[in-house]
Protein backbone atom coordinates (compact mmCIF):
# COMPACT_ATOMS: atom_id res chain seq x y z
CA MET A 1 115.38 81.73 196.17
CA LYS A 2 117.48 80.71 192.77
CA TYR A 3 115.07 80.87 189.46
CA GLU A 4 115.88 78.00 188.00
CA TRP A 5 114.46 77.29 184.73
CA LYS A 6 113.83 73.58 184.98
CA LYS A 7 111.29 74.28 187.46
CA GLN A 8 109.70 77.08 186.44
CA GLU A 9 109.67 76.45 182.65
CA LYS A 10 108.96 72.60 182.29
CA GLU A 11 106.33 73.27 179.54
CA ILE A 12 109.11 75.20 177.59
CA TYR A 13 112.07 73.32 177.99
CA LEU A 14 111.55 69.99 179.39
CA PRO A 15 108.34 68.71 177.35
CA LYS A 16 106.98 65.44 176.81
CA GLY A 17 108.55 62.61 174.63
CA LYS A 18 106.29 63.21 171.73
CA PRO A 19 104.66 66.23 170.00
CA GLU A 20 102.79 68.99 171.19
CA GLN A 21 101.94 72.57 170.37
CA ILE A 22 102.82 75.49 172.35
CA PHE A 23 103.31 79.24 171.87
CA ILE A 24 106.77 80.86 172.65
CA LYS A 25 106.63 84.24 173.74
CA LYS A 26 109.86 87.00 173.26
CA PHE A 27 112.58 86.69 175.02
CA ARG A 28 115.99 88.25 175.25
CA TYR A 29 118.80 86.07 173.93
CA LEU A 30 122.80 86.68 173.36
CA THR A 31 123.72 85.15 169.63
CA LEU A 32 126.18 84.20 167.56
CA GLU A 33 125.56 82.93 163.47
CA GLY A 34 127.92 80.20 162.15
CA SER A 35 128.24 77.77 159.24
CA GLY A 36 129.70 74.86 158.65
CA ASN A 37 129.56 71.18 161.00
CA PRO A 38 128.96 71.62 164.59
CA ASN A 39 131.38 68.72 165.01
CA GLU A 40 134.32 70.97 164.00
CA SER A 41 136.08 73.48 166.25
CA LEU A 42 134.18 76.74 165.28
CA PHE A 43 130.87 75.35 166.73
CA SER A 44 132.50 74.76 170.28
CA GLU A 45 134.33 78.36 170.05
CA LEU A 46 131.59 80.28 169.74
CA THR A 47 129.15 77.90 172.43
CA GLY A 48 132.18 78.41 174.77
CA ALA A 49 131.88 82.58 174.13
CA LEU A 50 127.80 82.30 175.04
CA PHE A 51 128.56 80.50 178.18
CA SER A 52 131.61 82.86 178.87
CA LEU A 53 129.44 85.96 178.39
CA SER A 54 126.45 84.62 180.10
CA TYR A 55 128.29 83.23 183.42
CA THR A 56 129.94 86.63 183.80
CA LEU A 57 126.61 88.07 183.47
CA LYS A 58 125.20 85.66 186.25
CA MET A 59 128.60 86.64 188.31
CA LEU A 60 128.38 90.63 188.04
CA PRO A 61 126.87 91.14 191.49
CA LYS A 62 130.25 89.22 192.74
CA LYS A 63 131.96 92.08 191.31
CA GLY A 64 130.13 95.01 192.89
CA ILE A 65 127.45 95.45 189.83
CA THR A 66 123.95 94.73 190.57
CA PRO A 67 121.88 95.47 187.60
CA ASP A 68 118.15 96.75 188.67
CA GLY A 69 115.92 93.97 188.76
CA TYR A 70 118.70 91.13 189.62
CA PHE A 71 117.99 88.08 191.02
CA ASP A 72 119.73 84.95 191.24
CA TYR A 73 119.41 81.87 188.51
CA ALA A 74 120.57 79.82 186.44
CA VAL A 75 122.33 80.12 183.64
CA TYR A 76 119.73 78.98 180.47
CA PRO A 77 120.88 76.19 178.06
CA LEU A 78 122.17 76.70 174.82
CA GLU A 79 119.77 76.82 171.70
CA GLY A 80 120.39 76.55 167.92
CA ILE A 81 118.49 77.40 164.64
CA TRP A 82 119.41 75.27 162.02
CA ASP A 83 119.34 76.19 158.66
CA LEU A 84 120.81 75.69 155.37
CA ASP A 85 123.30 77.72 152.88
CA ILE A 86 121.44 76.44 149.89
CA ASP A 87 117.56 77.00 148.82
CA SER A 88 116.25 73.73 149.61
CA ASP A 89 114.55 71.81 151.58
CA PHE A 90 115.55 71.30 155.22
CA ASP A 91 115.80 67.03 154.53
CA GLU A 92 116.97 65.82 158.06
CA THR A 93 117.49 62.05 156.34
CA LYS A 94 119.95 63.50 153.73
CA LEU A 95 121.59 66.67 155.80
CA ASP A 96 125.35 67.46 155.18
CA LYS A 97 126.54 69.02 157.97
CA ASN A 98 128.67 70.79 155.69
CA LYS A 99 126.19 73.03 154.35
CA LEU A 100 124.68 74.27 157.87
CA VAL A 101 124.38 78.21 158.70
CA TYR A 102 122.88 78.65 162.22
CA LYS A 103 122.75 80.99 164.90
CA ILE A 104 123.09 79.96 168.49
CA MET A 105 121.92 81.59 171.38
CA ILE A 106 121.34 81.55 175.29
CA ARG A 107 118.74 83.09 176.65
CA GLN A 108 118.82 85.81 178.97
CA PRO A 109 116.66 87.36 182.22
CA ASP A 110 114.42 90.16 181.49
CA PHE A 111 116.83 92.70 183.81
CA ILE A 112 119.63 91.84 181.31
CA ASN A 113 120.02 95.22 178.98
CA LYS A 114 122.49 96.14 176.39
CA GLU A 115 124.54 98.53 179.07
CA ILE A 116 124.65 95.17 181.38
CA ILE A 117 126.15 93.00 178.49
CA GLU A 118 129.01 95.90 177.45
CA THR A 119 129.99 95.96 181.41
CA ALA A 120 130.27 92.30 181.25
CA ALA A 121 131.96 92.19 178.04
CA GLU A 122 135.12 94.69 179.36
CA ILE A 123 135.07 92.11 182.34
CA LEU A 124 135.82 89.29 180.03
CA LYS A 125 137.86 90.64 178.13
CA LYS A 126 140.08 91.88 180.99
CA LYS A 127 140.11 88.24 182.57
CA LYS A 128 140.92 86.11 179.30
CA THR A 129 140.81 86.25 175.56
CA VAL A 130 137.52 84.85 174.50
CA ILE A 131 137.25 84.61 170.68
CA CYS A 132 134.36 85.83 168.85
CA ILE A 133 133.46 87.93 172.33
CA ASP A 134 133.10 91.25 169.66
CA LYS A 135 130.28 89.41 167.33
CA ILE A 136 128.02 88.69 170.14
CA LYS A 137 124.77 90.36 169.44
CA PHE A 138 121.65 91.22 171.75
CA GLU A 139 118.42 90.53 170.61
CA GLU A 140 114.62 89.73 171.27
CA ILE A 141 112.90 86.66 169.27
CA GLU A 142 109.73 85.17 169.35
CA ASP A 143 109.56 81.62 168.53
CA GLY A 144 105.56 82.14 168.27
CA LEU A 145 103.53 79.19 167.35
CA ALA A 146 105.54 75.82 167.30
CA VAL A 147 105.47 72.58 167.89
CA GLN A 148 108.05 71.05 170.02
CA MET A 149 108.94 67.60 171.66
CA MET A 150 111.31 65.99 173.93
CA HIS A 151 114.45 64.10 171.76
CA THR A 152 116.24 61.08 173.64
CA GLY A 153 119.61 59.86 172.13
CA SER A 154 122.01 61.06 169.84
CA TYR A 155 122.27 64.02 167.67
CA ASP A 156 121.85 61.65 164.97
CA SER A 157 119.09 59.57 165.49
CA GLU A 158 117.10 63.29 165.59
CA THR A 159 115.40 61.85 162.25
CA GLU A 160 112.51 59.45 163.91
CA SER A 161 111.57 62.79 166.18
CA PHE A 162 110.97 65.28 163.38
CA GLU A 163 109.09 62.67 161.60
CA LYS A 164 106.98 62.17 164.39
CA MET A 165 106.17 66.05 164.37
CA LYS A 166 105.79 66.27 160.78
CA ASN A 167 102.80 63.62 161.34
CA PHE A 168 101.43 65.79 164.04
CA CYS A 169 101.77 68.52 162.24
CA LEU A 170 99.56 67.34 159.49
CA GLU A 171 97.18 65.94 161.67
CA ASN A 172 96.49 68.63 163.34
CA LYS A 173 96.74 70.63 159.75
CA LEU A 174 99.53 73.21 161.18
CA ASN A 175 102.06 74.36 157.98
CA ILE A 176 105.43 74.75 159.07
CA ARG A 177 106.84 78.10 158.61
CA SER A 178 110.46 77.59 157.51
CA LYS A 179 112.76 75.04 156.68
CA ALA A 180 114.58 75.94 159.51
CA HIS A 181 114.23 74.28 162.98
CA LYS A 182 115.17 74.91 166.79
CA GLU A 183 116.97 72.69 168.94
CA ILE A 184 117.84 73.54 172.67
CA TYR A 185 120.37 71.05 174.53
CA ILE A 186 119.39 70.12 178.02
CA SER A 187 122.17 67.73 178.41
CA ASN A 188 125.93 68.28 178.32
CA PRO A 189 127.10 66.27 175.47
CA GLU A 190 130.57 65.82 177.27
CA ARG A 191 129.44 64.06 180.35
CA THR A 192 126.09 61.95 178.78
CA ALA A 193 126.30 59.12 176.71
CA PRO A 194 124.70 59.63 173.35
CA GLU A 195 121.90 56.86 173.90
CA LYS A 196 120.37 59.54 177.29
CA LEU A 197 121.31 62.70 175.10
CA LYS A 198 118.22 65.00 176.11
CA THR A 199 117.50 68.02 172.80
CA VAL A 200 114.20 70.22 172.93
CA LEU A 201 113.17 69.95 169.16
CA ARG A 202 110.69 73.17 167.66
CA TYR A 203 109.05 73.59 164.39
CA PHE A 204 107.68 77.20 163.87
CA VAL A 205 104.12 76.92 162.59
CA LYS A 206 101.35 78.67 161.69
CA LYS A 207 97.99 77.55 161.01
């Protein structure tokens, strides 16, 4: 049976529309770093590179290459850790998108390793030109203790949800560890109306 993160990992990717505490263990990711306004072309190019390599990895058995432990699965959604390029508090209400720095990523199944990624990258290069393919990193990342919730609506309306998360942290005596935060994009913005977009918002916290 196909492994589907929307069904098997609802607590991580489909949280409720109100803040909750969760611990996110270490997972494997393909990552790329960038800066500037995510509405500009660079962000789309980096996103495209991550998805191209992720789908190439998924389809390796059709190329006659089956990694040890392989199972059919749905490609994970795009995630991003967002920060600022200046030493200041991350204020979502006064955000200059041109000053953003980010690390975007797509989680990979546990059977994916560096060698398999190199094989998939070579296959992808022969198929088409993908910008930044050689800059993609393979990393293990642990979010650890976090507060998250599902935000429904446009990306520009996330402030309301962030305020709810901050209040939850205060009420539960949780300290936000970093001015950076994570977003997980459950909806495809090209196929979904802005008011219906679903995005997991996550603060990294400590007690």
